Amino acid sequence: MGHVEIRRPRIEDNEELNQFFRTVIEDTFAKEGLSKFVDDLNKEIEDKKHSLKCDFDSNGKARYFLIALDQKSQKIIGTIEYGPARELINRCTGGTLKELPEIGTVFVHPDYQRQGIGTLLFNVMILTLINKGINEFCLDSGYPNAQKIWRKKLGEPDYLLKDYWGLGHDHMIWRRSTHDIRIIF
């Protein structure tokens, strides 16, 4: 994995983070065969920019990001955040998870994927939640490649929304206790 620094984003990271979101989301859409859905791609990028702005504007109260940097280049190579469960989760679960924070925006730069950076970010976020006295969280995924990773990490989802994104494209939602997550560094 090399040397990775994890820290809170600073306002001077804003531009690089917004470019990072575009890079990762475009890559994800390409790998998932979704590149033709340009409006969805742009909406997702804008949503991430908005979440980051919420973090900056609230000093981490409305949304709380962590970023991973390559220590050598100081380049942003990963992100994760938590905040209130989004509308999709609330709608699809009948509001049963609305009191729980949602972990999201778990992104790793394409050049750094499969090196444990996403796991490192996830582990640090779980420790952050525990530190803040948060015992439960939710997480959702609509991307098949990400769903494979989350199933390995979290087991089967609590909510499986069959064909949510079209035939054969399910959406998954997990509800987990922070104390049930095995953290290995």
Protein backbone atom coordinates (compact mmCIF):
# COMPACT_ATOMS: atom_id res chain seq x y z
CA MET A 1 0.00 0.00 0.00
CA GLY A 2 2.95 2.35 0.40
CA HIS A 3 2.68 5.23 2.78
CA VAL A 4 -0.80 6.70 3.10
CA GLU A 5 -1.82 9.67 5.22
CA ILE A 6 -5.44 9.95 6.35
CA ARG A 7 -6.77 13.30 7.47
CA ARG A 8 -9.69 15.69 7.33
CA PRO A 9 -9.94 17.71 4.10
CA ARG A 10 -8.96 21.37 4.14
CA ILE A 11 -10.58 24.12 2.11
CA GLU A 12 -7.47 24.25 -0.10
CA ASP A 13 -8.18 20.59 -1.06
CA ASN A 14 -11.57 21.54 -2.50
CA GLU A 15 -10.56 21.88 -6.16
CA GLU A 16 -8.45 18.71 -6.17
CA LEU A 17 -11.26 16.79 -4.42
CA ASN A 18 -13.83 17.91 -6.96
CA GLN A 19 -11.53 16.75 -9.78
CA PHE A 20 -10.91 13.50 -7.86
CA PHE A 21 -14.70 12.89 -7.66
CA ARG A 22 -15.01 13.36 -11.44
CA THR A 23 -12.08 11.00 -12.14
CA VAL A 24 -13.36 8.21 -9.87
CA ILE A 25 -17.02 8.50 -10.86
CA GLU A 26 -16.21 8.56 -14.60
CA ASP A 27 -13.98 5.50 -14.11
CA THR A 28 -16.68 3.71 -12.08
CA PHE A 29 -19.37 4.45 -14.65
CA ALA A 30 -17.04 3.17 -17.43
CA LYS A 31 -16.21 -0.05 -15.53
CA GLU A 32 -19.91 -0.64 -14.75
CA GLY A 33 -20.93 -0.04 -18.38
CA LEU A 34 -22.89 3.09 -17.45
CA SER A 35 -20.95 5.76 -19.38
CA LYS A 36 -23.97 6.53 -21.57
CA PHE A 37 -25.86 7.80 -18.50
CA VAL A 38 -24.19 11.21 -18.61
CA ASP A 39 -26.93 12.97 -16.60
CA ASP A 40 -26.64 10.41 -13.77
CA LEU A 41 -22.86 10.69 -13.84
CA ASN A 42 -22.98 14.50 -13.59
CA LYS A 43 -25.66 14.33 -10.87
CA GLU A 44 -23.45 12.00 -8.81
CA ILE A 45 -20.45 14.34 -9.20
CA GLU A 46 -22.58 17.35 -8.14
CA ASP A 47 -23.93 15.36 -5.17
CA LYS A 48 -20.38 14.64 -3.97
CA LYS A 49 -19.35 18.29 -4.41
CA HIS A 50 -22.43 19.32 -2.40
CA SER A 51 -21.61 16.81 0.37
CA LEU A 52 -18.07 18.18 0.60
CA LYS A 53 -19.42 21.76 0.76
CA CYS A 54 -21.77 20.64 3.58
CA ASP A 55 -18.72 19.34 5.46
CA PHE A 56 -16.80 22.60 5.01
CA ASP A 57 -19.83 24.80 5.80
CA SER A 58 -20.70 22.87 8.98
CA ASN A 59 -17.13 22.08 10.07
CA GLY A 60 -17.86 18.35 9.84
CA LYS A 61 -21.26 18.40 11.58
CA ALA A 62 -23.58 17.91 8.55
CA ARG A 63 -21.18 15.65 6.62
CA TYR A 64 -17.79 14.42 7.79
CA PHE A 65 -15.09 13.53 5.24
CA LEU A 66 -11.74 11.83 5.58
CA ILE A 67 -9.25 11.77 2.73
CA ALA A 68 -6.31 9.53 1.93
CA LEU A 69 -3.16 11.01 0.46
CA ASP A 70 -0.16 9.37 -1.10
CA GLN A 71 2.54 10.59 1.31
CA LYS A 72 5.15 10.92 -1.43
CA SER A 73 3.15 12.91 -3.97
CA GLN A 74 0.61 14.41 -1.50
CA LYS A 75 -2.00 13.51 -4.14
CA ILE A 76 -5.54 12.69 -2.94
CA ILE A 77 -6.07 8.99 -3.58
CA GLY A 78 -9.18 8.19 -1.55
CA THR A 79 -12.23 9.56 0.27
CA ILE A 80 -14.90 8.41 2.70
CA GLU A 81 -17.62 10.33 4.52
CA TYR A 82 -20.53 9.91 6.84
CA GLY A 83 -23.64 11.93 7.41
CA PRO A 84 -27.41 11.55 7.68
CA ALA A 85 -28.86 8.67 5.66
CA ARG A 86 -29.77 9.91 2.19
CA GLU A 87 -33.25 10.05 0.73
CA LEU A 88 -32.80 6.81 -1.28
CA ILE A 89 -32.05 4.81 1.88
CA ASN A 90 -34.94 6.39 3.76
CA ARG A 91 -37.39 5.77 0.92
CA CYS A 92 -36.29 2.18 0.30
CA THR A 93 -36.35 1.19 4.00
CA GLY A 94 -39.55 2.96 4.97
CA GLY A 95 -37.52 5.37 7.09
CA THR A 96 -36.27 2.65 9.47
CA LEU A 97 -32.64 3.81 9.12
CA LYS A 98 -33.22 7.57 9.15
CA GLU A 99 -31.70 7.98 12.62
CA LEU A 100 -28.47 6.24 11.58
CA PRO A 101 -25.49 7.85 9.92
CA GLU A 102 -24.68 6.59 6.46
CA ILE A 103 -21.12 5.85 5.39
CA GLY A 104 -20.63 6.87 1.78
CA THR A 105 -18.31 8.34 -0.84
CA VAL A 106 -15.86 5.47 -0.39
CA PHE A 107 -13.76 6.28 -3.43
CA VAL A 108 -10.24 5.19 -4.35
CA HIS A 109 -8.39 6.64 -7.34
CA PRO A 110 -8.27 4.07 -10.21
CA ASP A 111 -4.43 3.97 -10.07
CA TYR A 112 -4.55 3.00 -6.36
CA GLN A 113 -7.40 0.49 -6.27
CA ARG A 114 -6.91 -3.03 -4.88
CA GLN A 115 -4.16 -1.87 -2.52
CA GLY A 116 -6.17 -1.77 0.71
CA ILE A 117 -6.77 1.99 0.73
CA GLY A 118 -10.58 1.65 0.79
CA THR A 119 -10.31 -0.80 3.69
CA LEU A 120 -7.95 1.55 5.54
CA LEU A 121 -10.38 4.46 5.07
CA PHE A 122 -13.32 2.30 6.18
CA ASN A 123 -11.46 1.12 9.30
CA VAL A 124 -10.48 4.67 10.27
CA MET A 125 -14.08 5.80 9.73
CA ILE A 126 -15.40 2.98 11.96
CA LEU A 127 -12.94 4.06 14.68
CA THR A 128 -14.08 7.68 14.18
CA LEU A 129 -17.73 6.67 14.65
CA ILE A 130 -16.89 4.64 17.76
CA ASN A 131 -14.92 7.63 19.10
CA LYS A 132 -17.99 9.83 18.59
CA GLY A 133 -20.17 7.34 20.47
CA ILE A 134 -21.96 6.15 17.31
CA ASN A 135 -22.83 2.45 17.58
CA GLU A 136 -24.62 1.80 14.30
CA PHE A 137 -24.41 2.93 10.69
CA CYS A 138 -25.87 2.12 7.31
CA LEU A 139 -24.29 1.88 3.90
CA ASP A 140 -25.74 1.35 0.45
CA SER A 141 -24.44 0.40 -2.98
CA GLY A 142 -25.83 0.20 -6.47
CA TYR A 143 -22.59 -0.67 -8.28
CA PRO A 144 -22.06 -4.44 -8.77
CA ASN A 145 -18.26 -4.23 -8.33
CA ALA A 146 -18.64 -2.32 -5.05
CA GLN A 147 -21.39 -4.68 -3.91
CA LYS A 148 -18.96 -7.61 -4.16
CA ILE A 149 -16.52 -5.79 -1.87
CA TRP A 150 -19.21 -4.81 0.65
CA ARG A 151 -20.65 -8.33 0.73
CA LYS A 152 -17.17 -9.64 1.57
CA LYS A 153 -16.72 -7.02 4.28
CA LEU A 154 -20.24 -6.80 5.72
CA GLY A 155 -21.99 -10.02 4.67
CA GLU A 156 -25.36 -10.10 2.96
CA PRO A 157 -27.29 -6.82 2.80
CA ASP A 158 -30.27 -6.20 5.09
CA TYR A 159 -32.23 -4.80 2.15
CA LEU A 160 -31.93 -6.21 -1.36
CA LEU A 161 -33.85 -4.11 -3.85
CA LYS A 162 -34.11 -6.47 -6.82
CA ASP A 163 -33.78 -4.86 -10.27
CA TYR A 164 -33.87 -1.38 -8.68
CA TRP A 165 -31.69 0.09 -11.43
CA GLY A 166 -33.16 -2.10 -14.18
CA LEU A 167 -33.21 -5.81 -14.90
CA GLY A 168 -30.31 -7.53 -13.12
CA HIS A 169 -29.14 -4.30 -11.43
CA ASP A 170 -29.98 -4.50 -7.74
CA HIS A 171 -29.48 -1.97 -4.97
CA MET A 172 -28.21 -3.12 -1.57
CA ILE A 173 -28.42 -1.54 1.89
CA TRP A 174 -26.60 -2.72 5.02
CA ARG A 175 -27.25 -1.85 8.67
CA ARG A 176 -24.35 -2.70 10.96
CA SER A 177 -23.05 -2.14 14.45
CA THR A 178 -19.68 -0.39 14.65
CA HIS A 179 -18.67 -2.98 17.26
CA ASP A 180 -19.25 -5.90 14.88
CA ILE A 181 -16.68 -4.68 12.35
CA ARG A 182 -13.33 -6.45 12.46
CA ILE A 183 -10.61 -3.87 12.15
CA ILE A 184 -7.21 -5.07 11.03
CA PHE A 185 -4.36 -2.71 10.18
